């Protein structure tokens, strides 16, 4: 049989190898909604427990539906293995904690995902782990900071302000310093960026976003070399309990079928909206990699931000919008708006938006699958009302 090589075929192709269904069979992978699996003999059970062969034992570990999703993501990212999680934060925490221990130091780029930032600022210091934040655009600063560190945590584009970085150069600096490199690739997906091929060791996704695409799933995944995944599977995954459920894995496999189609449509729509906003006097700045530096990106997705002019009422602008709904998350079919001012006032000891000087006039937009002309009309109404 010819193996799929392009992303389009990989996304549409059913990987049923995990199910051992023989020739023919369903076009949609089945949901193994079970907590445990049994064995035909003690000898068979011993072989699995001894690691001599892989078979699902208990769905907090392996489950065939989840394994099918993991195999699909590994193929898309060009890695040897992947592990699914109950959320993006479960993937981040299990990955970071697998490679760090008391006395270690890690480096993270500034403007990383806010809850990841809070994990690094709140929890890791309690475990004796030091975290240093750095401007990822400054490779000299990255080189100085990563010397002696155990892990380099990356995002490109970064959250909220969408700065792009030279990911290959960052990964090379981490490798030279003996640090494991990890990147959150949720914004670009494997279709627009494959960091592992640029030298990054581990690639994370909040699969709740574009991979799901339907705003009905919370999930995460990490992809990488088998040795790195084995370490996660041995040290953190079984004990932190953030396993991916089979029904969520089924929904993710469904979402992947249309990922390329959705992303291309949303990319085009977001660029149309961003270019229109760039010409508006009410908008001081548009932060969209497609309008500036898109280094390392094969495409641009539909999440970006704008900074409104001083004479524009941010709250009135957001409240006037009707097609752009107020909400967190992104990557689904619906358009969303999120004012940074709300995040700046979010309760918590540490807030990356505050610490790194994000403007309260910044508004994050996610462009969904609606007609872009109607989205522009919605924005025009909002800007008109807010600028009065």
Foldseek 3Di string as FASTA:
>chain_A
DDDDDDLLCLLQQQDCVLPPPPPDDDSADDFPQDFADDDPDPVVVVCCVVVVDPDTGGQLADDSLQQRLFVSQQSLLVADTKAKFQALVLVLVLLVVLFDAAPAEEEEEFLADFVSVCCQVPPVVVRNYHYHYDHQADLVRLLVVLQRHAEYEYEALHPQQRHGHPLLSSLVSNVVNNHQYEYECAFQRSVWANSVVSNHAKYKYQCCAQLLQANPGHMMMMGGYPVSVVSSSPPGSSPVSRHDHSVRSSSSSVSSNCSVVFFVLQQVLLVVLQVVLVPDPQWPDWRFCVVDPPPRTNGGGFKTKTFTDPLFDQVQLQVQFDQADDDDGYRYQGKHKYQVLVQVPDDDPDGSCVVVPPDSRMMMIGGHNDDSVVVNVRNVRSRVVRND
